[in-house]
Amino acid sequence: MREVIFDTETTGLDPKTGDRMVEIGCIEMIGRVETGRTFHAFFNPERDMPPEAERVHGLSAAFLATKPRFAELVDEMLAFLGDAPLVAHNAGFDFGFLNNELERIGRAPISMDRMIDTVAIARKRHPGAKLSLDALCTRYGIDRSHRVKHGALLDAELLAQVYVELNGGRQIGLGLTDAANVDTAATTTANAPWHRPVGDRPRRDPRPHVASPEELERHTAFIASITNAIWTR
């Protein structure tokens, strides 16, 4: 199954009060394995950048003023997203900004039915624990040392690893399957360390699970030696 993990950076917290999306980063996964395909873009928000937002992601109004407007890249972005489920951390926030940008230019919003929220998944798996992306990276041993500031593509890359762990880790690639299915899956997982085709596994002769005559004889003698057995009462 194809899924797209994505993250956004914005000028603030509420698109309904004029805040805009200024960056999006998307990672393609098939069968919960990254394919290497990405989509990444900065957008000119045509407004100022509040200092508190710039401290989070480091994107200044001067830097973004040289970038394309959302409408100029929307077709390329939507082509990458396709009809895949869209995975984000606190996904309602990212969907809100993405759909606000689409509505501003008269395009149809993306259905919320496609939304997969990793915060909701993490809350079920780890009730009461910290659920930030940083906290989940620490929990699962994912290296985030290069995450000095927030960045949409970097955060999407980290979230892709967290998403796999939230869904059972790399053992999800160890399903029992026939040779035909292994061949199909090999396009994305053949070189992965957790992937071992069924045909490559050593075969063992079945182990005997029936008692020998000698064992049966010893067992009968042992039962006969028990005095005042409960089954004779």
C-alpha atoms as a PDB file:
ATOM      1  CA  MET A   1       0.000   0.000   0.000  1.00  0.00           C
ATOM      2  CA  ARG A   2       1.256   3.467  -0.888  1.00  0.00           C
ATOM      3  CA  GLU A   3       1.253   6.077   1.884  1.00  0.00           C
ATOM      4  CA  VAL A   4       2.628   9.609   2.064  1.00  0.00           C
ATOM      5  CA  ILE A   5       4.123  10.928   5.303  1.00  0.00           C
ATOM      6  CA  PHE A   6       4.151  14.717   5.376  1.00  0.00           C
ATOM      7  CA  ASP A   7       4.820  17.732   7.564  1.00  0.00           C
ATOM      8  CA  THR A   8       4.269  21.472   7.189  1.00  0.00           C
ATOM      9  CA  GLU A   9       5.773  24.656   8.571  1.00  0.00           C
ATOM     10  CA  THR A  10       3.635  27.761   8.963  1.00  0.00           C
ATOM     11  CA  THR A  11       3.581  31.397  10.034  1.00  0.00           C
ATOM     12  CA  GLY A  12       1.506  30.558  13.110  1.00  0.00           C
ATOM     13  CA  LEU A  13      -1.120  28.298  14.605  1.00  0.00           C
ATOM     14  CA  ASP A  14      -4.425  29.227  12.949  1.00  0.00           C
ATOM     15  CA  PRO A  15      -5.053  29.451   9.198  1.00  0.00           C
ATOM     16  CA  LYS A  16      -8.459  31.025   9.844  1.00  0.00           C
ATOM     17  CA  THR A  17      -6.798  34.143  11.279  1.00  0.00           C
ATOM     18  CA  GLY A  18      -4.461  34.642   8.343  1.00  0.00           C
ATOM     19  CA  ASP A  19      -1.599  32.271   9.092  1.00  0.00           C
ATOM     20  CA  ARG A  20      -0.137  30.575   6.027  1.00  0.00           C
ATOM     21  CA  MET A  21       1.758  27.413   5.129  1.00  0.00           C
ATOM     22  CA  VAL A  22       5.357  28.191   4.144  1.00  0.00           C
ATOM     23  CA  GLU A  23       6.893  24.713   3.698  1.00  0.00           C
ATOM     24  CA  ILE A  24       5.786  21.156   3.011  1.00  0.00           C
ATOM     25  CA  GLY A  25       7.849  17.978   3.010  1.00  0.00           C
ATOM     26  CA  CYS A  26       6.500  14.624   1.806  1.00  0.00           C
ATOM     27  CA  ILE A  27       7.963  11.098   1.932  1.00  0.00           C
ATOM     28  CA  GLU A  28       6.592   8.230  -0.164  1.00  0.00           C
ATOM     29  CA  MET A  29       6.299   4.805   1.483  1.00  0.00           C
ATOM     30  CA  ILE A  30       5.103   1.551  -0.071  1.00  0.00           C
ATOM     31  CA  GLY A  31       4.443  -1.321   2.280  1.00  0.00           C
ATOM     32  CA  ARG A  32       5.801   0.874   5.110  1.00  0.00           C
ATOM     33  CA  VAL A  33       9.184   1.070   3.331  1.00  0.00           C
ATOM     34  CA  GLU A  34      10.559   4.394   2.066  1.00  0.00           C
ATOM     35  CA  THR A  35      10.965   4.406  -1.711  1.00  0.00           C
ATOM     36  CA  GLY A  36      13.310   7.389  -1.891  1.00  0.00           C
ATOM     37  CA  ARG A  37      10.722   9.594  -3.640  1.00  0.00           C
ATOM     38  CA  THR A  38      10.042  12.908  -1.934  1.00  0.00           C
ATOM     39  CA  PHE A  39       8.325  16.223  -2.552  1.00  0.00           C
ATOM     40  CA  HIS A  40       9.640  19.344  -0.846  1.00  0.00           C
ATOM     41  CA  ALA A  41       8.767  22.996  -1.385  1.00  0.00           C
ATOM     42  CA  PHE A  42       8.934  26.408   0.253  1.00  0.00           C
ATOM     43  CA  PHE A  43       6.132  28.891  -0.393  1.00  0.00           C
ATOM     44  CA  ASN A  44       5.972  32.674  -0.372  1.00  0.00           C
ATOM     45  CA  PRO A  45       3.224  33.432   2.163  1.00  0.00           C
ATOM     46  CA  GLU A  46       2.863  37.036   0.969  1.00  0.00           C
ATOM     47  CA  ARG A  47       2.885  38.264   4.551  1.00  0.00           C
ATOM     48  CA  ASP A  48       5.271  38.831   7.459  1.00  0.00           C
ATOM     49  CA  MET A  49       6.866  36.098   9.530  1.00  0.00           C
ATOM     50  CA  PRO A  50       6.187  36.444  13.279  1.00  0.00           C
ATOM     51  CA  PRO A  51       9.412  36.191  15.324  1.00  0.00           C
ATOM     52  CA  GLU A  52       8.057  33.327  17.451  1.00  0.00           C
ATOM     53  CA  ALA A  53       7.365  31.249  14.329  1.00  0.00           C
ATOM     54  CA  GLU A  54      10.770  32.056  12.828  1.00  0.00           C
ATOM     55  CA  ARG A  55      12.442  30.864  16.024  1.00  0.00           C
ATOM     56  CA  VAL A  56      10.806  27.462  15.529  1.00  0.00           C
ATOM     57  CA  HIS A  57      11.730  26.810  11.886  1.00  0.00           C
ATOM     58  CA  GLY A  58      14.262  29.500  10.990  1.00  0.00           C
ATOM     59  CA  LEU A  59      12.416  30.633   7.848  1.00  0.00           C
ATOM     60  CA  SER A  60      12.523  34.412   7.440  1.00  0.00           C
ATOM     61  CA  ALA A  61      10.183  36.586   5.401  1.00  0.00           C
ATOM     62  CA  ALA A  62      13.160  37.684   3.271  1.00  0.00           C
ATOM     63  CA  PHE A  63      14.060  34.060   2.447  1.00  0.00           C
ATOM     64  CA  LEU A  64      10.480  33.101   1.604  1.00  0.00           C
ATOM     65  CA  ALA A  65       9.896  36.221  -0.529  1.00  0.00           C
ATOM     66  CA  THR A  66      12.022  34.613  -3.257  1.00  0.00           C
ATOM     67  CA  LYS A  67      10.025  31.342  -3.277  1.00  0.00           C
ATOM     68  CA  PRO A  68       7.052  30.389  -5.477  1.00  0.00           C
ATOM     69  CA  ARG A  69       3.492  30.984  -4.333  1.00  0.00           C
ATOM     70  CA  PHE A  70       1.440  27.943  -3.359  1.00  0.00           C
ATOM     71  CA  ALA A  71      -0.640  28.162  -6.533  1.00  0.00           C
ATOM     72  CA  GLU A  72       2.469  27.805  -8.691  1.00  0.00           C
ATOM     73  CA  LEU A  73       3.348  24.369  -7.235  1.00  0.00           C
ATOM     74  CA  VAL A  74      -0.053  22.997  -6.293  1.00  0.00           C
ATOM     75  CA  ASP A  75      -0.402  20.698  -9.308  1.00  0.00           C
ATOM     76  CA  GLU A  76       3.035  19.146  -8.742  1.00  0.00           C
ATOM     77  CA  MET A  77       2.245  18.673  -5.061  1.00  0.00           C
ATOM     78  CA  LEU A  78      -1.173  17.083  -5.681  1.00  0.00           C
ATOM     79  CA  ALA A  79       0.308  14.757  -8.293  1.00  0.00           C
ATOM     80  CA  PHE A  80       2.793  13.508  -5.708  1.00  0.00           C
ATOM     81  CA  LEU A  81       0.125  13.055  -3.039  1.00  0.00           C
ATOM     82  CA  GLY A  82      -2.124  11.168  -5.451  1.00  0.00           C
ATOM     83  CA  ASP A  83      -4.938   9.341  -3.668  1.00  0.00           C
ATOM     84  CA  ALA A  84      -2.712   7.825  -0.947  1.00  0.00           C
ATOM     85  CA  PRO A  85      -3.475   7.986   2.771  1.00  0.00           C
ATOM     86  CA  LEU A  86      -1.664  10.960   4.306  1.00  0.00           C
ATOM     87  CA  VAL A  87       0.229  10.483   7.575  1.00  0.00           C
ATOM     88  CA  ALA A  88       1.134  13.426   9.812  1.00  0.00           C
ATOM     89  CA  HIS A  89       1.927  14.109  13.458  1.00  0.00           C
ATOM     90  CA  ASN A  90      -1.021  15.995  14.963  1.00  0.00           C
ATOM     91  CA  ALA A  91      -2.490  15.631  11.502  1.00  0.00           C
ATOM     92  CA  GLY A  92      -5.488  17.911  12.049  1.00  0.00           C
ATOM     93  CA  PHE A  93      -3.083  20.877  12.207  1.00  0.00           C
ATOM     94  CA  ASP A  94      -1.328  20.009   8.929  1.00  0.00           C
ATOM     95  CA  PHE A  95      -4.581  19.140   7.130  1.00  0.00           C
ATOM     96  CA  GLY A  96      -6.065  22.435   8.291  1.00  0.00           C
ATOM     97  CA  PHE A  97      -3.265  24.471   6.738  1.00  0.00           C
ATOM     98  CA  LEU A  98      -3.075  22.365   3.580  1.00  0.00           C
ATOM     99  CA  ASN A  99      -6.812  22.606   2.939  1.00  0.00           C
ATOM    100  CA  ASN A 100      -6.821  26.307   3.744  1.00  0.00           C
ATOM    101  CA  GLU A 101      -4.224  26.891   1.016  1.00  0.00           C
ATOM    102  CA  LEU A 102      -6.263  24.808  -1.437  1.00  0.00           C
ATOM    103  CA  GLU A 103      -9.456  26.686  -0.616  1.00  0.00           C
ATOM    104  CA  ARG A 104      -7.714  30.054  -1.045  1.00  0.00           C
ATOM    105  CA  ILE A 105      -7.069  29.245  -4.709  1.00  0.00           C
ATOM    106  CA  GLY A 106     -10.426  27.611  -5.362  1.00  0.00           C
ATOM    107  CA  ARG A 107      -9.243  24.001  -5.286  1.00  0.00           C
ATOM    108  CA  ALA A 108     -11.091  21.127  -3.628  1.00  0.00           C
ATOM    109  CA  PRO A 109      -9.910  20.280  -0.100  1.00  0.00           C
ATOM    110  CA  ILE A 110      -8.347  16.917   0.649  1.00  0.00           C
ATOM    111  CA  SER A 111     -10.774  14.543   2.342  1.00  0.00           C
ATOM    112  CA  MET A 112     -10.204  14.056   6.046  1.00  0.00           C
ATOM    113  CA  ASP A 113     -10.921  10.355   5.445  1.00  0.00           C
ATOM    114  CA  ARG A 114      -7.351  10.123   4.115  1.00  0.00           C
ATOM    115  CA  MET A 115      -5.861  11.427   7.371  1.00  0.00           C
ATOM    116  CA  ILE A 116      -3.730   9.178   9.602  1.00  0.00           C
ATOM    117  CA  ASP A 117      -2.679  10.907  12.821  1.00  0.00           C
ATOM    118  CA  THR A 118       0.417   9.466  14.488  1.00  0.00           C
ATOM    119  CA  VAL A 119      -0.385  11.330  17.712  1.00  0.00           C
ATOM    120  CA  ALA A 120      -3.640   9.360  17.984  1.00  0.00           C
ATOM    121  CA  ILE A 121      -1.783   6.095  17.291  1.00  0.00           C
ATOM    122  CA  ALA A 122       0.910   6.933  19.852  1.00  0.00           C
ATOM    123  CA  ARG A 123      -1.688   7.862  22.482  1.00  0.00           C
ATOM    124  CA  LYS A 124      -3.218   4.387  22.212  1.00  0.00           C
ATOM    125  CA  ARG A 125       0.151   2.620  22.298  1.00  0.00           C
ATOM    126  CA  HIS A 126       1.713   4.745  25.038  1.00  0.00           C
ATOM    127  CA  PRO A 127      -1.054   6.233  27.221  1.00  0.00           C
ATOM    128  CA  GLY A 128       0.203   8.921  29.540  1.00  0.00           C
ATOM    129  CA  ALA A 129       3.577   9.249  27.794  1.00  0.00           C
ATOM    130  CA  LYS A 130       4.973  12.299  26.025  1.00  0.00           C
ATOM    131  CA  LEU A 131       3.815  12.232  22.392  1.00  0.00           C
ATOM    132  CA  SER A 132       5.942  14.898  20.702  1.00  0.00           C
ATOM    133  CA  LEU A 133       8.007  13.846  17.694  1.00  0.00           C
ATOM    134  CA  ASP A 134      11.179  14.380  19.737  1.00  0.00           C
ATOM    135  CA  ALA A 135       9.851  12.201  22.568  1.00  0.00           C
ATOM    136  CA  LEU A 136       8.866   9.383  20.214  1.00  0.00           C
ATOM    137  CA  CYS A 137      12.246   9.495  18.477  1.00  0.00           C
ATOM    138  CA  THR A 138      13.893   9.116  21.880  1.00  0.00           C
ATOM    139  CA  ARG A 139      11.576   6.248  22.820  1.00  0.00           C
ATOM    140  CA  TYR A 140      12.368   4.323  19.633  1.00  0.00           C
ATOM    141  CA  GLY A 141      16.076   5.172  19.453  1.00  0.00           C
ATOM    142  CA  ILE A 142      15.764   7.249  16.266  1.00  0.00           C
ATOM    143  CA  ASP A 143      18.665   9.658  15.750  1.00  0.00           C
ATOM    144  CA  ARG A 144      17.423  13.256  15.717  1.00  0.00           C
ATOM    145  CA  SER A 145      20.727  14.937  16.560  1.00  0.00           C
ATOM    146  CA  HIS A 146      20.614  16.864  13.269  1.00  0.00           C
ATOM    147  CA  ARG A 147      17.205  18.377  14.120  1.00  0.00           C
ATOM    148  CA  VAL A 148      18.390  21.770  15.366  1.00  0.00           C
ATOM    149  CA  LYS A 149      15.222  23.504  14.119  1.00  0.00           C
ATOM    150  CA  HIS A 150      11.971  22.222  12.724  1.00  0.00           C
ATOM    151  CA  GLY A 151      12.001  21.523   8.997  1.00  0.00           C
ATOM    152  CA  ALA A 152       9.163  19.963   7.015  1.00  0.00           C
ATOM    153  CA  LEU A 153      11.178  17.404   5.059  1.00  0.00           C
ATOM    154  CA  LEU A 154      13.447  16.499   7.977  1.00  0.00           C
ATOM    155  CA  ASP A 155      10.468  16.081  10.289  1.00  0.00           C
ATOM    156  CA  ALA A 156       8.674  13.950   7.684  1.00  0.00           C
ATOM    157  CA  GLU A 157      11.752  11.713   7.435  1.00  0.00           C
ATOM    158  CA  LEU A 158      11.820  11.263  11.222  1.00  0.00           C
ATOM    159  CA  LEU A 159       8.071  10.694  11.320  1.00  0.00           C
ATOM    160  CA  ALA A 160       8.342   7.975   8.666  1.00  0.00           C
ATOM    161  CA  GLN A 161      10.644   6.036  11.017  1.00  0.00           C
ATOM    162  CA  VAL A 162       8.370   6.678  14.004  1.00  0.00           C
ATOM    163  CA  TYR A 163       5.323   5.559  11.980  1.00  0.00           C
ATOM    164  CA  VAL A 164       6.953   2.217  11.224  1.00  0.00           C
ATOM    165  CA  GLU A 165       7.760   1.716  14.915  1.00  0.00           C
ATOM    166  CA  LEU A 166       4.230   2.652  15.966  1.00  0.00           C
ATOM    167  CA  ASN A 167       2.941  -0.065  13.663  1.00  0.00           C
ATOM    168  CA  GLY A 168       5.120  -2.827  15.058  1.00  0.00           C
ATOM    169  CA  GLY A 169       8.603  -1.906  13.904  1.00  0.00           C
ATOM    170  CA  ARG A 170      10.556  -3.611  11.155  1.00  0.00           C
ATOM    171  CA  GLN A 171       9.078  -7.028  11.982  1.00  0.00           C
ATOM    172  CA  ILE A 172       6.082  -6.005   9.867  1.00  0.00           C
ATOM    173  CA  GLY A 173       8.197  -7.179   6.915  1.00  0.00           C
ATOM    174  CA  LEU A 174       8.451 -10.754   8.269  1.00  0.00           C
ATOM    175  CA  GLY A 175       5.042 -12.014   7.217  1.00  0.00           C
ATOM    176  CA  LEU A 176       4.630 -15.616   6.010  1.00  0.00           C
ATOM    177  CA  THR A 177       3.925 -15.618   2.302  1.00  0.00           C
ATOM    178  CA  ASP A 178       4.297 -17.753  -0.764  1.00  0.00           C
ATOM    179  CA  ALA A 179       7.036 -17.409  -3.362  1.00  0.00           C
ATOM    180  CA  ALA A 180       4.877 -15.363  -5.738  1.00  0.00           C
ATOM    181  CA  ASN A 181       4.205 -12.741  -3.071  1.00  0.00           C
ATOM    182  CA  VAL A 182       7.871 -12.653  -2.120  1.00  0.00           C
ATOM    183  CA  ASP A 183       8.822 -11.898  -5.693  1.00  0.00           C
ATOM    184  CA  THR A 184       6.334  -9.033  -5.795  1.00  0.00           C
ATOM    185  CA  ALA A 185       7.548  -7.572  -2.518  1.00  0.00           C
ATOM    186  CA  ALA A 186      11.185  -7.860  -3.557  1.00  0.00           C
ATOM    187  CA  THR A 187      11.014  -4.630  -5.547  1.00  0.00           C
ATOM    188  CA  THR A 188      11.099  -2.669  -2.293  1.00  0.00           C
ATOM    189  CA  THR A 189      12.348  -5.024   0.423  1.00  0.00           C
ATOM    190  CA  ALA A 190      14.741  -7.513  -1.191  1.00  0.00           C
ATOM    191  CA  ASN A 191      17.828  -5.804   0.210  1.00  0.00           C
ATOM    192  CA  ALA A 192      16.359  -4.987   3.609  1.00  0.00           C
ATOM    193  CA  PRO A 193      18.026  -6.730   6.564  1.00  0.00           C
ATOM    194  CA  TRP A 194      14.665  -7.785   7.989  1.00  0.00           C
ATOM    195  CA  HIS A 195      13.498  -9.396   4.756  1.00  0.00           C
ATOM    196  CA  ARG A 196      14.237 -13.088   4.269  1.00  0.00           C
ATOM    197  CA  PRO A 197      12.312 -14.850   1.464  1.00  0.00           C
ATOM    198  CA  VAL A 198      10.569 -18.037   2.480  1.00  0.00           C
ATOM    199  CA  GLY A 199      12.425 -20.014  -0.176  1.00  0.00           C
ATOM    200  CA  ASP A 200      15.779 -19.179   1.445  1.00  0.00           C
ATOM    201  CA  ARG A 201      14.906 -20.594   4.851  1.00  0.00           C
ATOM    202  CA  PRO A 202      16.492 -23.969   5.754  1.00  0.00           C
ATOM    203  CA  ARG A 203      14.046 -26.857   5.869  1.00  0.00           C
ATOM    204  CA  ARG A 204      14.011 -29.199   8.882  1.00  0.00           C
ATOM    205  CA  ASP A 205      12.552 -32.681   9.168  1.00  0.00           C
ATOM    206  CA  PRO A 206       9.482 -32.786  11.409  1.00  0.00           C
ATOM    207  CA  ARG A 207      10.221 -33.673  15.011  1.00  0.00           C
ATOM    208  CA  PRO A 208       8.565 -36.845  16.453  1.00  0.00           C
ATOM    209  CA  HIS A 209       5.733 -36.025  18.852  1.00  0.00           C
ATOM    210  CA  VAL A 210       4.474 -39.600  19.589  1.00  0.00           C
ATOM    211  CA  ALA A 211       5.673 -41.570  22.619  1.00  0.00           C
ATOM    212  CA  SER A 212       7.725 -44.706  21.892  1.00  0.00           C
ATOM    213  CA  PRO A 213       6.555 -48.147  23.162  1.00  0.00           C
ATOM    214  CA  GLU A 214       9.246 -48.044  25.852  1.00  0.00           C
ATOM    215  CA  GLU A 215       8.032 -44.630  27.043  1.00  0.00           C
ATOM    216  CA  LEU A 216       4.438 -45.828  27.145  1.00  0.00           C
ATOM    217  CA  GLU A 217       5.460 -48.877  29.200  1.00  0.00           C
ATOM    218  CA  ARG A 218       7.342 -46.733  31.726  1.00  0.00           C
ATOM    219  CA  HIS A 219       4.406 -44.362  31.977  1.00  0.00           C
ATOM    220  CA  THR A 220       1.964 -47.222  32.674  1.00  0.00           C
ATOM    221  CA  ALA A 221       4.238 -48.582  35.413  1.00  0.00           C
ATOM    222  CA  PHE A 222       4.531 -45.134  36.979  1.00  0.00           C
ATOM    223  CA  ILE A 223       0.739 -44.663  37.064  1.00  0.00           C
ATOM    224  CA  ALA A 224       0.282 -48.132  38.641  1.00  0.00           C
ATOM    225  CA  SER A 225       2.756 -47.227  41.381  1.00  0.00           C
ATOM    226  CA  ILE A 226       0.687 -44.280  42.628  1.00  0.00           C
ATOM    227  CA  THR A 227      -1.310 -45.135  45.732  1.00  0.00           C
ATOM    228  CA  ASN A 228      -4.627 -43.510  46.606  1.00  0.00           C
ATOM    229  CA  ALA A 229      -4.761 -41.815  43.186  1.00  0.00           C
ATOM    230  CA  ILE A 230      -7.462 -39.159  42.873  1.00  0.00           C
ATOM    231  CA  TRP A 231      -8.831 -40.780  39.698  1.00  0.00           C
ATOM    232  CA  THR A 232      -9.609 -44.016  41.586  1.00  0.00           C
ATOM    233  CA  ARG A 233     -11.788 -42.364  44.245  1.00  0.00           C
END
